[in-house]
Amino acid sequence: MAVELGENSGVVYEEDVPVRMRDGVTLRCNVFRPADGRPAPALIQRQPYNKNAAQCYVYAHPAWYARHGYVTVVEDSRGRYASEGKFYPLRHDATDGYDTIEWAAAQPWCNGKVASFGFSIPGINQLLAASEKPPHLVTAMPGFYPQGMYEGFTHVGGTFGLAAVMDWAMLLSTEEARRAGDPSLLAKIRAAASCVGRWNPTLSLREIPFLLDPPLMPFLTDYFNHPLHDAYWQDIELSPRADRIDIPCLHISGWYDSFITQTIEAYERFVALGRADHRLFVGPWYHIPWTQQVGCIDYGEDAKNVVDELQLAWLDAQLKGKREALERIPKVRVFITGANRWRDADRWPLPGMQHTSLYLHSQGRANSLSGNGGLSWQAPGQEPPDFYVYGPEAPVQSAGGHSCCMPMNTPMGPADQAGVELRNDVLVYTSAPLEQPLLVAGKVNAIIHAATTARDTDWVVKLCDVSPDGRSINLQEGVVRARYRDGATADRPIEPNRVYEYRIAVGVVCHQFKAGHRLRVQIASSNFPAWDRNPNTGDPLGGEAPFNWVVANQTIFHDATRPSRLDMPVVRG
């Protein structure tokens, strides 16, 4: 039964409306309709985080969209809250999305035009549904989304995304315990939740509370048992489906989001395919929330959340034919951190972008801020290598970064790097002060020549901005697990003490280094708990026995024949 949301609200509301899927499973949704009763376009959000919350921690309330002329439908994913079935992330979202879209289009309150919105899993599930080509889907507005559950989330550069996976699991766990009918699990959930972001590094992954025991969410065990990027993961990814998507999309993200590189890469592919109008909007935000205060940085009034106004203009253009609304939306609008202003462009990467190399230098002791590590645009000559020791029992602690999902639980956003850069197991390379501003916009990659005494290890690279007062703030970070140096589709053991060239995807940035600021690169072998710490044994994920961790001696080379460096996308003009 539809009821009005308060006197003169202009919106009527219907709760737990059933939607039958093709396999007979019933999903349920909340429907917010304009009170005038006329058929209108439908706007759908499908999500596993409770339809009653409707992701209102970042978006306007569904009633706001209804008041602007859109029947807003928020649906619980299969197996979550009011919906039937068994929850397994992304496994049914393509077909369930299609069925929900076509159901909405057939309702008397819909004029036959349907759009979708939502971020994170509700971001990618829109695109999976769009790949099924539902006839009435006109446009999608995916936000802050990965291209699957593997790279950038459960795994990063071959490492296990410990903090993100555990925080996300905690978000899901209470409802899973309720559906299991086992209140005793709540105590275990609370105990595990109190440790998120602060896991004891002496624990084996298999001993971490609630990761694998109790087996409340079987997909977590599956994630853990598939360390390689194999067919298990590829079956639910966007990449093999992307060329089937031909609707216009508004892609939304933030520079400190855990999925920013994934979102950018998907957008670039859609533009290259050229089958529809795709536009890009990126703020300075992390995954949640989207505000001007991100971590330790206040980006100013211009960084406030304007996503709802942007989405409304896009909807008005795509579903109501108000082309003047589309004219207000540039092809690309990105927030330049450092300069703290927006920049509009007709394409991404930004016009004028050129790749240049930033080289590592030292006199053989780049350890910590007390060392002699340097950066310059000049290639090195005959320089001695740098050494450090990595012990898995005392990993480098994460300071900010690109994790998920809540900043109070996981290492997210810009953070002061002072505590990290005081450690001798962190190599620190710093440029001279810049004489003029430098805009770096695009994918940063590192090429590192390194050797280890261990059978396996990790190489972590972090890019930072150092202000004249000495404060170092992280911009992006990347990692590669040595045995996955050629990609995570196969396990290729390394030979101890042999020098390998490692290519590390540091990540995408859009940052202006001001005049007088310096660029800084950190190199380490851990970033815990953002990523699981490598025990250096070469054993399978989580397979190390107690006290079997190996201390590794690490060597970083930067000379004429082995020039370790960063590939920097610099924008001129």
Protein backbone atom coordinates (compact mmCIF):
# COMPACT_ATOMS: atom_id res chain seq x y z
CA MET A 1 0.00 0.00 0.00
CA ALA A 2 1.36 3.40 -1.01
CA VAL A 3 1.38 6.13 1.64
CA GLU A 4 2.35 9.79 1.45
CA LEU A 5 5.67 10.69 3.08
CA GLY A 6 4.19 13.39 5.25
CA GLU A 7 1.71 16.10 4.42
CA ASN A 8 2.51 18.01 1.23
CA SER A 9 5.75 16.07 0.70
CA GLY A 10 4.87 15.49 -2.94
CA VAL A 11 6.02 11.86 -2.63
CA VAL A 12 4.21 8.58 -2.03
CA TYR A 13 6.02 5.53 -0.73
CA GLU A 14 5.48 1.79 -1.00
CA GLU A 15 7.55 -0.69 1.00
CA ASP A 16 8.67 -4.26 0.26
CA VAL A 17 7.20 -4.42 -3.23
CA PRO A 18 7.87 -7.93 -4.63
CA VAL A 19 9.76 -8.41 -7.88
CA ARG A 20 9.92 -11.97 -9.23
CA MET A 21 13.13 -13.05 -10.94
CA ARG A 22 13.27 -15.47 -13.87
CA ASP A 23 14.27 -18.37 -11.59
CA GLY A 24 11.31 -17.81 -9.25
CA VAL A 25 13.21 -15.99 -6.47
CA THR A 26 11.42 -12.90 -5.17
CA LEU A 27 13.37 -9.74 -4.48
CA ARG A 28 11.81 -6.78 -2.70
CA CYS A 29 12.13 -3.07 -3.16
CA ASN A 30 10.96 0.26 -1.81
CA VAL A 31 9.31 2.55 -4.34
CA PHE A 32 9.16 6.35 -4.05
CA ARG A 33 6.81 8.00 -6.57
CA PRO A 34 5.85 11.56 -7.44
CA ALA A 35 2.48 12.18 -5.78
CA ASP A 36 0.87 13.52 -8.97
CA GLY A 37 0.38 9.92 -10.16
CA ARG A 38 1.52 10.51 -13.73
CA PRO A 39 3.83 7.92 -15.33
CA ALA A 40 7.45 8.98 -14.95
CA PRO A 41 10.94 7.62 -15.64
CA ALA A 42 12.20 5.02 -13.15
CA LEU A 43 15.51 5.31 -11.31
CA ILE A 44 16.81 2.04 -9.84
CA GLN A 45 19.39 1.29 -7.17
CA ARG A 46 20.13 -2.37 -6.38
CA GLN A 47 22.28 -3.03 -3.32
CA PRO A 48 23.19 -5.50 -0.55
CA TYR A 49 23.44 -2.89 2.23
CA ASN A 50 19.74 -2.57 3.15
CA LYS A 51 17.33 -0.83 0.81
CA ASN A 52 15.95 1.15 3.76
CA ALA A 53 19.30 2.97 4.00
CA ALA A 54 19.42 3.52 0.21
CA GLN A 55 23.08 4.65 0.36
CA CYS A 56 21.83 7.95 1.82
CA TYR A 57 25.21 8.38 3.54
CA VAL A 58 26.39 9.85 0.22
CA TYR A 59 23.28 10.35 -1.94
CA ALA A 60 20.16 12.42 -1.38
CA HIS A 61 17.14 10.54 -0.08
CA PRO A 62 15.16 8.65 -2.76
CA ALA A 63 12.25 11.01 -2.03
CA TRP A 64 14.42 13.90 -3.28
CA TYR A 65 14.72 12.24 -6.68
CA ALA A 66 11.00 11.40 -6.64
CA ARG A 67 10.17 15.02 -5.94
CA HIS A 68 12.16 15.90 -9.07
CA GLY A 69 10.04 13.61 -11.20
CA TYR A 70 11.68 10.17 -10.98
CA VAL A 71 10.08 7.03 -9.55
CA THR A 72 12.96 5.85 -7.39
CA VAL A 73 13.24 2.11 -6.75
CA VAL A 74 15.66 0.74 -4.16
CA GLU A 75 15.99 -3.05 -4.12
CA ASP A 76 17.63 -5.46 -1.69
CA SER A 77 20.05 -7.72 -3.55
CA ARG A 78 19.33 -11.43 -3.72
CA GLY A 79 19.77 -13.01 -0.30
CA ARG A 80 19.91 -9.72 1.60
CA TYR A 81 17.38 -8.23 4.03
CA ALA A 82 13.84 -8.52 2.59
CA SER A 83 14.86 -10.41 -0.57
CA GLU A 84 14.82 -14.16 -1.01
CA GLY A 85 17.66 -16.34 -2.23
CA LYS A 86 21.30 -16.79 -1.27
CA PHE A 87 23.68 -13.84 -1.37
CA TYR A 88 26.86 -14.26 -3.40
CA PRO A 89 28.40 -10.95 -4.54
CA LEU A 90 27.84 -10.22 -8.25
CA ARG A 91 26.93 -13.82 -9.18
CA HIS A 92 23.31 -12.98 -10.04
CA ASP A 93 23.48 -9.22 -10.50
CA ALA A 94 23.51 -9.19 -14.30
CA THR A 95 20.28 -11.16 -14.71
CA ASP A 96 18.62 -9.86 -11.53
CA GLY A 97 19.36 -6.33 -12.71
CA TYR A 98 17.87 -7.03 -16.13
CA ASP A 99 14.70 -8.54 -14.61
CA THR A 100 14.26 -5.62 -12.20
CA ILE A 101 14.72 -3.03 -14.95
CA GLU A 102 12.17 -4.67 -17.20
CA TRP A 103 9.75 -5.15 -14.29
CA ALA A 104 9.95 -1.43 -13.48
CA ALA A 105 9.40 -0.45 -17.13
CA ALA A 106 6.18 -2.47 -17.19
CA GLN A 107 4.64 -0.81 -14.11
CA PRO A 108 1.77 1.69 -14.58
CA TRP A 109 3.79 4.37 -12.75
CA CYS A 110 6.66 4.14 -15.28
CA ASN A 111 6.71 5.76 -18.72
CA GLY A 112 8.97 3.02 -20.05
CA LYS A 113 12.30 4.77 -19.48
CA VAL A 114 14.66 3.43 -16.81
CA ALA A 115 17.98 4.64 -15.37
CA SER A 116 20.19 3.27 -12.60
CA PHE A 117 22.50 4.66 -9.93
CA GLY A 118 24.55 3.54 -6.94
CA PHE A 119 28.19 3.23 -5.92
CA SER A 120 30.64 0.44 -5.08
CA ILE A 121 28.95 -2.94 -5.71
CA PRO A 122 25.79 -1.03 -6.74
CA GLY A 123 28.08 0.73 -9.22
CA ILE A 124 29.40 -2.32 -11.01
CA ASN A 125 26.11 -4.21 -10.80
CA GLN A 126 24.55 -1.51 -13.01
CA LEU A 127 27.10 -2.22 -15.72
CA LEU A 128 26.72 -5.98 -15.41
CA ALA A 129 22.97 -5.53 -15.89
CA ALA A 130 23.54 -3.15 -18.82
CA SER A 131 25.67 -5.82 -20.51
CA GLU A 132 22.53 -7.98 -20.70
CA LYS A 133 20.96 -5.23 -22.85
CA PRO A 134 17.61 -4.67 -21.10
CA PRO A 135 15.51 -2.86 -23.74
CA HIS A 136 14.21 -0.13 -21.42
CA LEU A 137 17.49 0.87 -19.75
CA VAL A 138 18.37 4.33 -21.07
CA THR A 139 21.37 5.29 -18.94
CA ALA A 140 23.47 4.31 -15.90
CA MET A 141 25.38 6.37 -13.33
CA PRO A 142 27.94 3.97 -11.79
CA GLY A 143 30.01 5.40 -8.95
CA PHE A 144 33.20 4.42 -7.14
CA TYR A 145 33.15 0.94 -8.65
CA PRO A 146 35.59 -1.92 -9.27
CA GLN A 147 35.56 -4.06 -12.39
CA GLY A 148 35.15 -7.22 -10.35
CA MET A 149 35.94 -8.62 -6.92
CA TYR A 150 39.64 -9.38 -7.52
CA GLU A 151 42.04 -6.62 -8.54
CA GLY A 152 41.81 -3.49 -6.41
CA PHE A 153 39.71 -5.09 -3.70
CA THR A 154 40.31 -8.63 -2.47
CA HIS A 155 43.75 -8.55 -4.09
CA VAL A 156 46.14 -5.73 -4.99
CA GLY A 157 49.25 -6.53 -7.00
CA GLY A 158 49.00 -10.14 -5.85
CA THR A 159 48.65 -9.28 -2.14
CA PHE A 160 45.48 -9.91 -0.13
CA GLY A 161 43.45 -6.74 0.56
CA LEU A 162 43.13 -7.53 4.24
CA ALA A 163 41.73 -4.28 5.68
CA ALA A 164 39.20 -3.75 2.90
CA VAL A 165 37.97 -7.34 2.86
CA MET A 166 37.55 -7.45 6.63
CA ASP A 167 35.80 -4.09 6.90
CA TRP A 168 33.44 -5.04 4.08
CA ALA A 169 32.79 -8.42 5.69
CA MET A 170 31.84 -6.68 8.92
CA LEU A 171 29.34 -4.54 7.01
CA LEU A 172 27.69 -7.69 5.69
CA SER A 173 28.00 -9.97 8.70
CA THR A 174 25.18 -8.86 11.01
CA GLU A 175 22.52 -9.49 8.37
CA GLU A 176 24.10 -12.84 7.52
CA ALA A 177 23.99 -13.80 11.21
CA ARG A 178 20.33 -12.77 11.38
CA ARG A 179 19.47 -14.88 8.36
CA ALA A 180 21.37 -17.80 9.89
CA GLY A 181 19.23 -17.44 13.03
CA ASP A 182 22.30 -17.48 15.29
CA PRO A 183 22.42 -14.54 17.76
CA SER A 184 25.55 -16.03 19.36
CA LEU A 185 27.51 -14.93 16.31
CA LEU A 186 27.00 -11.28 17.25
CA ALA A 187 29.66 -11.52 19.97
CA LYS A 188 32.19 -12.86 17.44
CA ILE A 189 31.24 -10.14 14.99
CA ARG A 190 31.75 -7.42 17.60
CA ALA A 191 35.12 -8.87 18.59
CA ALA A 192 36.31 -9.01 15.00
CA ALA A 193 34.95 -5.55 14.20
CA SER A 194 36.94 -4.05 17.07
CA CYS A 195 40.12 -5.32 15.38
CA VAL A 196 39.43 -4.10 11.84
CA GLY A 197 42.34 -1.95 10.73
CA ARG A 198 44.41 -3.05 13.73
CA TRP A 199 45.16 -6.71 13.06
CA ASN A 200 48.04 -8.19 15.02
CA PRO A 201 50.78 -8.90 12.45
CA THR A 202 51.86 -12.02 14.33
CA LEU A 203 48.62 -13.75 13.35
CA SER A 204 48.52 -15.99 10.32
CA LEU A 205 45.79 -14.95 7.92
CA ARG A 206 43.93 -18.15 8.69
CA GLU A 207 43.88 -17.23 12.38
CA ILE A 208 42.30 -13.80 11.93
CA PRO A 209 38.92 -13.80 13.67
CA PHE A 210 35.93 -14.05 11.36
CA LEU A 211 37.86 -14.20 8.10
CA LEU A 212 37.25 -17.92 7.65
CA ASP A 213 35.67 -18.97 10.94
CA PRO A 214 32.75 -19.11 11.42
CA PRO A 215 31.99 -19.89 7.76
CA LEU A 216 29.05 -17.50 7.74
CA MET A 217 29.86 -16.06 4.32
CA PRO A 218 31.19 -18.91 2.15
CA PHE A 219 32.32 -16.55 -0.58
CA LEU A 220 35.06 -15.26 1.78
CA THR A 221 36.53 -18.76 1.89
CA ASP A 222 36.29 -18.93 -1.89
CA TYR A 223 38.08 -15.58 -2.19
CA PHE A 224 40.82 -16.84 0.10
CA ASN A 225 41.19 -20.12 -1.79
CA HIS A 226 41.60 -18.39 -5.17
CA PRO A 227 44.77 -16.27 -4.85
CA LEU A 228 45.28 -16.36 -8.62
CA HIS A 229 43.22 -14.30 -11.04
CA ASP A 230 41.59 -17.37 -12.54
CA ALA A 231 38.27 -18.23 -14.17
CA TYR A 232 36.53 -18.10 -10.80
CA TRP A 233 37.01 -14.32 -10.72
CA GLN A 234 36.79 -13.62 -14.43
CA ASP A 235 33.29 -15.06 -14.62
CA ILE A 236 31.85 -12.06 -12.73
CA GLU A 237 34.02 -9.27 -14.12
CA LEU A 238 33.10 -6.32 -16.26
CA SER A 239 35.98 -6.57 -18.72
CA PRO A 240 34.66 -9.41 -20.94
CA ARG A 241 31.22 -7.77 -21.01
CA ALA A 242 32.22 -4.15 -21.62
CA ASP A 243 31.84 -4.24 -25.40
CA ARG A 244 28.18 -5.22 -24.98
CA ILE A 245 27.32 -1.98 -23.16
CA ASP A 246 26.02 0.73 -25.48
CA ILE A 247 24.11 3.14 -23.22
CA PRO A 248 25.43 6.55 -22.09
CA CYS A 249 26.98 6.47 -18.63
CA LEU A 250 28.06 9.03 -16.07
CA HIS A 251 31.10 7.65 -14.22
CA ILE A 252 31.73 9.10 -10.76
CA SER A 253 34.69 8.53 -8.43
CA GLY A 254 37.21 10.06 -6.02
CA TRP A 255 40.99 10.25 -6.13
CA TYR A 256 41.33 8.45 -2.79
CA ASP A 257 38.76 5.77 -3.57
CA SER A 258 40.02 2.20 -3.45
CA PHE A 259 38.63 1.62 -6.95
CA ILE A 260 39.72 4.84 -8.67
CA THR A 261 42.15 3.13 -11.06
CA GLN A 262 39.55 0.49 -11.92
CA THR A 263 36.86 3.10 -12.57
CA ILE A 264 39.18 5.21 -14.74
CA GLU A 265 40.27 2.19 -16.77
CA ALA A 266 36.66 1.16 -17.39
CA TYR A 267 35.75 4.69 -18.46
CA GLU A 268 38.72 4.82 -20.85
CA ARG A 269 37.67 1.53 -22.42
CA PHE A 270 34.08 2.69 -22.93
CA VAL A 271 35.30 5.90 -24.58
CA ALA A 272 37.63 3.92 -26.84
CA LEU A 273 34.74 1.68 -27.90
CA GLY A 274 32.85 4.83 -28.92
CA ARG A 275 29.37 3.31 -28.69
CA ALA A 276 27.75 5.90 -26.43
CA ASP A 277 28.33 9.13 -24.53
CA HIS A 278 30.47 8.47 -21.44
CA ARG A 279 31.40 11.26 -19.04
CA LEU A 280 33.76 11.34 -16.09
CA PHE A 281 33.46 13.19 -12.78
CA VAL A 282 36.14 12.72 -10.08
CA GLY A 283 36.32 14.55 -6.75
CA PRO A 284 39.04 14.43 -4.09
CA TRP A 285 37.05 11.96 -1.99
CA TYR A 286 37.59 8.50 -0.61
CA HIS A 287 35.04 5.67 -0.66
CA ILE A 288 32.83 7.04 2.12
CA PRO A 289 31.95 9.87 2.75
CA TRP A 290 32.19 12.45 -0.06
CA THR A 291 33.00 15.69 1.73
CA GLN A 292 35.53 18.50 1.52
CA GLN A 293 37.40 17.08 4.54
CA VAL A 294 39.25 13.99 3.36
CA GLY A 295 41.63 12.45 5.84
CA CYS A 296 43.91 15.20 7.13
CA ILE A 297 43.16 17.61 4.26
CA ASP A 298 40.36 20.15 3.89
CA TYR A 299 40.04 20.68 0.14
CA GLY A 300 37.83 23.74 0.51
CA GLU A 301 34.29 24.74 -0.39
CA ASP A 302 34.66 23.61 -4.00
CA ALA A 303 35.14 20.02 -2.84
CA LYS A 304 31.67 19.64 -1.33
CA ASN A 305 29.49 16.77 -2.53
CA VAL A 306 27.57 17.90 -5.62
CA VAL A 307 26.89 14.43 -7.01
CA ASP A 308 23.11 14.59 -6.62
CA GLU A 309 22.85 17.84 -8.58
CA LEU A 310 25.10 16.37 -11.26
CA GLN A 311 23.06 13.18 -11.48
CA LEU A 312 19.81 15.13 -11.70
CA ALA A 313 21.12 17.17 -14.63
CA TRP A 314 22.24 13.95 -16.34
CA LEU A 315 18.85 12.32 -15.78
CA ASP A 316 16.99 15.36 -17.05
CA ALA A 317 19.07 15.24 -20.24
CA GLN A 318 18.90 11.48 -20.83
CA LEU A 319 15.34 10.73 -19.69
CA LYS A 320 13.48 14.00 -20.17
CA GLY A 321 15.23 15.36 -23.24
CA LYS A 322 16.43 18.54 -21.55
CA ARG A 323 19.57 18.90 -23.62
CA GLU A 324 20.46 22.21 -21.99
CA ALA A 325 21.10 20.22 -18.81
CA LEU A 326 23.65 18.10 -20.69
CA GLU A 327 25.44 21.22 -21.88
CA ARG A 328 26.24 22.00 -18.24
CA ILE A 329 28.09 18.70 -17.86
CA PRO A 330 31.57 18.62 -19.44
CA LYS A 331 33.00 15.44 -20.93
CA VAL A 332 35.48 15.33 -18.07
CA ARG A 333 35.42 17.23 -14.78
CA VAL A 334 38.19 16.39 -12.32
CA PHE A 335 39.28 17.93 -9.05
CA ILE A 336 42.98 18.79 -9.00
CA THR A 337 44.30 18.08 -5.53
CA GLY A 338 47.07 20.40 -4.42
CA ALA A 339 45.58 23.21 -6.48
CA ASN A 340 42.18 22.39 -4.90
CA ARG A 341 40.11 23.37 -7.90
CA TRP A 342 38.06 21.71 -10.63
CA ARG A 343 39.24 21.38 -14.20
CA ASP A 344 37.02 20.66 -17.19
CA ALA A 345 38.32 18.94 -20.30
CA ASP A 346 37.05 17.23 -23.41
CA ARG A 347 38.94 14.02 -22.68
CA TRP A 348 40.97 11.96 -20.22
CA PRO A 349 43.93 11.72 -19.97
CA LEU A 350 44.04 15.52 -19.92
CA PRO A 351 45.29 17.32 -23.03
CA GLY A 352 49.02 18.00 -22.92
CA MET A 353 49.86 14.89 -20.88
CA GLN A 354 53.35 13.52 -21.51
CA HIS A 355 55.16 10.62 -19.86
CA THR A 356 58.50 11.36 -18.27
CA SER A 357 60.78 9.43 -15.93
CA LEU A 358 61.60 10.40 -12.35
CA TYR A 359 64.72 8.51 -11.24
CA LEU A 360 65.81 7.22 -7.85
CA HIS A 361 69.24 8.26 -6.57
CA SER A 362 71.28 7.84 -3.40
CA GLN A 363 74.77 7.41 -2.03
CA GLY A 364 73.82 3.96 -0.79
CA ARG A 365 71.78 4.81 2.32
CA ALA A 366 68.29 6.04 1.51
CA ASN A 367 66.91 4.57 4.73
CA SER A 368 64.34 6.86 6.38
CA LEU A 369 64.32 10.65 6.41
CA SER A 370 67.83 10.51 7.87
CA GLY A 371 69.13 8.93 4.67
CA ASN A 372 70.48 10.38 1.44
CA GLY A 373 67.85 9.30 -1.07
CA GLY A 374 67.04 11.69 -3.90
CA LEU A 375 64.82 12.04 -6.98
CA SER A 376 65.52 13.80 -10.24
CA TRP A 377 64.63 13.79 -13.91
CA GLN A 378 68.24 12.82 -14.68
CA ALA A 379 69.11 9.15 -15.17
CA PRO A 380 71.58 7.70 -12.63
CA GLY A 381 75.22 6.90 -13.27
CA GLN A 382 77.27 4.45 -11.25
CA GLU A 383 75.52 4.63 -7.89
CA PRO A 384 75.58 2.08 -5.04
CA PRO A 385 72.34 0.24 -4.24
CA ASP A 386 70.25 0.70 -1.11
CA PHE A 387 69.66 -2.02 1.48
CA TYR A 388 67.02 -2.62 4.12
CA VAL A 389 65.66 -5.46 6.22
CA TYR A 390 62.04 -6.53 6.07
CA GLY A 391 60.72 -8.57 8.99
CA PRO A 392 57.12 -9.82 8.63
CA GLU A 393 56.60 -9.68 12.42
CA ALA A 394 57.03 -5.88 12.36
CA PRO A 395 55.49 -4.64 9.09
CA VAL A 396 55.27 -0.99 8.10
CA GLN A 397 51.92 0.30 9.29
CA SER A 398 49.52 1.78 6.75
CA ALA A 399 49.15 5.55 6.92
CA GLY A 400 46.19 6.62 4.79
CA GLY A 401 45.77 5.23 1.31
CA HIS A 402 43.13 3.66 -0.89
CA SER A 403 41.33 1.04 1.16
CA CYS A 404 37.62 0.40 1.73
CA CYS A 405 35.14 0.95 3.16
CA MET A 406 34.91 3.24 6.24
CA PRO A 407 37.73 5.67 7.14
CA MET A 408 37.43 5.01 10.86
CA ASN A 409 38.18 1.34 10.26
CA THR A 410 40.59 1.14 7.36
CA PRO A 411 43.59 3.16 6.07
CA MET A 412 42.06 5.67 3.69
CA GLY A 413 42.78 9.13 2.35
CA PRO A 414 45.67 11.56 2.73
CA ALA A 415 47.70 11.19 5.92
CA ASP A 416 50.88 12.57 7.47
CA GLN A 417 53.68 10.12 6.65
CA ALA A 418 56.02 11.16 9.47
CA GLY A 419 55.69 7.88 11.38
CA VAL A 420 56.37 5.79 8.27
CA GLU A 421 59.33 7.82 7.04
CA LEU A 422 61.20 7.54 10.35
CA ARG A 423 61.62 3.79 9.86
CA ASN A 424 64.90 2.34 8.57
CA ASP A 425 62.98 -0.35 6.66
CA VAL A 426 61.48 2.38 4.49
CA LEU A 427 63.62 3.92 1.75
CA VAL A 428 62.89 7.60 1.20
CA TYR A 429 63.77 9.43 -2.02
CA THR A 430 63.04 13.17 -2.22
CA SER A 431 63.40 15.70 -5.03
CA ALA A 432 64.72 19.23 -4.79
CA PRO A 433 62.06 21.94 -4.25
CA LEU A 434 60.16 22.67 -7.45
CA GLU A 435 60.83 26.01 -9.11
CA GLN A 436 57.36 26.04 -10.66
CA PRO A 437 54.11 24.08 -10.23
CA LEU A 438 53.98 20.56 -11.65
CA LEU A 439 50.70 18.87 -12.63
CA VAL A 440 50.77 15.08 -12.59
CA ALA A 441 47.56 13.60 -14.01
CA GLY A 442 47.18 9.98 -15.05
CA LYS A 443 48.55 6.55 -14.20
CA VAL A 444 51.80 6.48 -12.28
CA ASN A 445 53.91 3.34 -12.71
CA ALA A 446 57.14 2.32 -11.03
CA ILE A 447 59.96 0.30 -12.57
CA ILE A 448 62.08 -1.06 -9.74
CA HIS A 449 65.21 -3.22 -10.00
CA ALA A 450 65.43 -5.26 -6.83
CA ALA A 451 66.71 -8.44 -5.20
CA THR A 452 65.73 -10.29 -2.02
CA THR A 453 67.29 -13.09 -0.02
CA ALA A 454 63.84 -14.64 0.43
CA ARG A 455 61.81 -17.03 -1.75
CA ASP A 456 59.11 -14.42 -2.07
CA THR A 457 58.50 -10.85 -0.88
CA ASP A 458 56.53 -7.69 -1.61
CA TRP A 459 57.63 -4.39 -3.10
CA VAL A 460 55.61 -1.32 -2.07
CA VAL A 461 55.94 2.09 -3.74
CA LYS A 462 54.24 5.23 -2.45
CA LEU A 463 54.16 8.70 -4.05
CA CYS A 464 53.97 11.71 -1.71
CA ASP A 465 53.87 15.52 -1.78
CA VAL A 466 56.23 17.26 0.67
CA SER A 467 55.36 20.83 1.63
CA PRO A 468 57.99 23.44 2.58
CA ASP A 469 57.33 22.77 6.28
CA GLY A 470 58.37 19.14 5.76
CA ARG A 471 54.95 17.51 5.98
CA SER A 472 54.72 14.51 3.65
CA ILE A 473 51.26 13.53 2.36
CA ASN A 474 50.56 10.35 0.40
CA LEU A 475 48.97 10.57 -3.04
CA GLN A 476 49.01 6.97 -4.30
CA GLU A 477 50.54 3.63 -3.48
CA GLY A 478 51.11 0.37 -5.31
CA VAL A 479 52.50 -3.08 -4.60
CA VAL A 480 53.59 -6.24 -6.36
CA ARG A 481 54.09 -9.64 -4.80
CA ALA A 482 57.31 -10.94 -6.32
CA ARG A 483 55.93 -14.26 -7.55
CA TYR A 484 53.13 -12.38 -9.35
CA ARG A 485 55.50 -9.94 -11.06
CA ASP A 486 54.22 -11.02 -14.50
CA GLY A 487 50.57 -10.89 -13.43
CA ALA A 488 48.44 -12.83 -11.00
CA THR A 489 47.29 -15.47 -13.50
CA ALA A 490 50.22 -17.74 -12.63
CA ASP A 491 52.55 -18.33 -9.69
CA ARG A 492 56.16 -17.78 -10.82
CA PRO A 493 58.64 -18.29 -7.96
CA ILE A 494 61.70 -16.07 -7.82
CA GLU A 495 65.31 -17.03 -7.30
CA PRO A 496 66.75 -15.56 -4.09
CA ASN A 497 69.46 -12.92 -4.59
CA ARG A 498 68.69 -12.55 -8.28
CA VAL A 499 67.93 -9.04 -9.57
CA TYR A 500 64.53 -8.70 -11.23
CA GLU A 501 62.84 -5.77 -12.88
CA TYR A 502 59.45 -5.19 -11.25
CA ARG A 503 56.76 -3.05 -12.84
CA ILE A 504 54.37 -1.72 -10.20
CA ALA A 505 51.08 0.05 -10.89
CA VAL A 506 51.27 2.84 -8.33
CA GLY A 507 47.87 4.22 -9.34
CA VAL A 508 46.12 7.15 -10.95
CA VAL A 509 46.46 10.71 -9.61
CA CYS A 510 45.47 14.24 -10.55
CA HIS A 511 47.64 16.44 -8.38
CA GLN A 512 49.47 19.72 -8.65
CA PHE A 513 52.75 19.96 -6.77
CA LYS A 514 53.12 23.62 -5.90
CA ALA A 515 56.29 25.62 -6.39
CA GLY A 516 58.53 25.05 -3.39
CA HIS A 517 57.09 21.57 -2.78
CA ARG A 518 59.05 18.38 -3.30
CA LEU A 519 58.13 14.97 -4.71
CA ARG A 520 58.86 11.95 -2.55
CA VAL A 521 58.88 8.21 -3.17
CA GLN A 522 58.81 5.62 -0.40
CA ILE A 523 59.90 2.04 -1.03
CA ALA A 524 59.17 -0.70 1.51
CA SER A 525 58.06 -4.33 1.61
CA SER A 526 54.86 -3.97 3.62
CA ASN A 527 51.82 -1.75 4.06
CA PHE A 528 49.87 -3.44 6.83
CA PRO A 529 46.96 -3.93 7.34
CA ALA A 530 45.91 -2.45 4.00
CA TRP A 531 47.56 -5.52 2.46
CA ASP A 532 48.50 -8.74 4.19
CA ARG A 533 52.13 -8.87 5.17
CA ASN A 534 54.22 -11.32 3.15
CA PRO A 535 55.86 -14.00 5.35
CA ASN A 536 58.61 -14.29 2.70
CA THR A 537 58.26 -18.08 2.61
CA GLY A 538 56.79 -18.48 -0.87
CA ASP A 539 54.03 -20.66 0.60
CA PRO A 540 50.39 -20.39 -0.52
CA LEU A 541 48.28 -17.54 0.84
CA GLY A 542 47.81 -18.05 4.57
CA GLY A 543 49.82 -21.25 4.47
CA GLU A 544 52.66 -20.19 6.74
CA ALA A 545 53.04 -22.09 10.01
CA PRO A 546 53.62 -20.26 13.32
CA PHE A 547 57.19 -18.98 13.68
CA ASN A 548 58.04 -19.81 10.06
CA TRP A 549 58.24 -16.22 8.88
CA VAL A 550 61.46 -15.29 7.15
CA VAL A 551 63.40 -12.06 7.63
CA ALA A 552 64.56 -10.80 4.23
CA ASN A 553 67.46 -8.60 3.17
CA GLN A 554 66.26 -6.33 0.39
CA THR A 555 68.32 -4.48 -2.23
CA ILE A 556 67.13 -1.68 -4.50
CA PHE A 557 69.35 -0.85 -7.51
CA HIS A 558 69.45 2.53 -9.25
CA ASP A 559 72.41 2.78 -11.60
CA ALA A 560 73.08 3.26 -15.31
CA THR A 561 72.16 -0.32 -16.23
CA ARG A 562 69.36 -0.70 -13.66
CA PRO A 563 67.64 2.70 -13.45
CA SER A 564 64.81 2.37 -10.95
CA ARG A 565 62.27 5.08 -11.64
CA LEU A 566 58.69 6.30 -11.81
CA ASP A 567 56.83 6.79 -15.07
CA MET A 568 55.15 10.15 -14.43
CA PRO A 569 52.24 11.49 -16.54
CA VAL A 570 53.02 15.21 -16.50
CA VAL A 571 50.58 17.73 -18.02
CA ARG A 572 52.25 20.64 -19.77
CA GLY A 573 50.43 23.92 -20.34
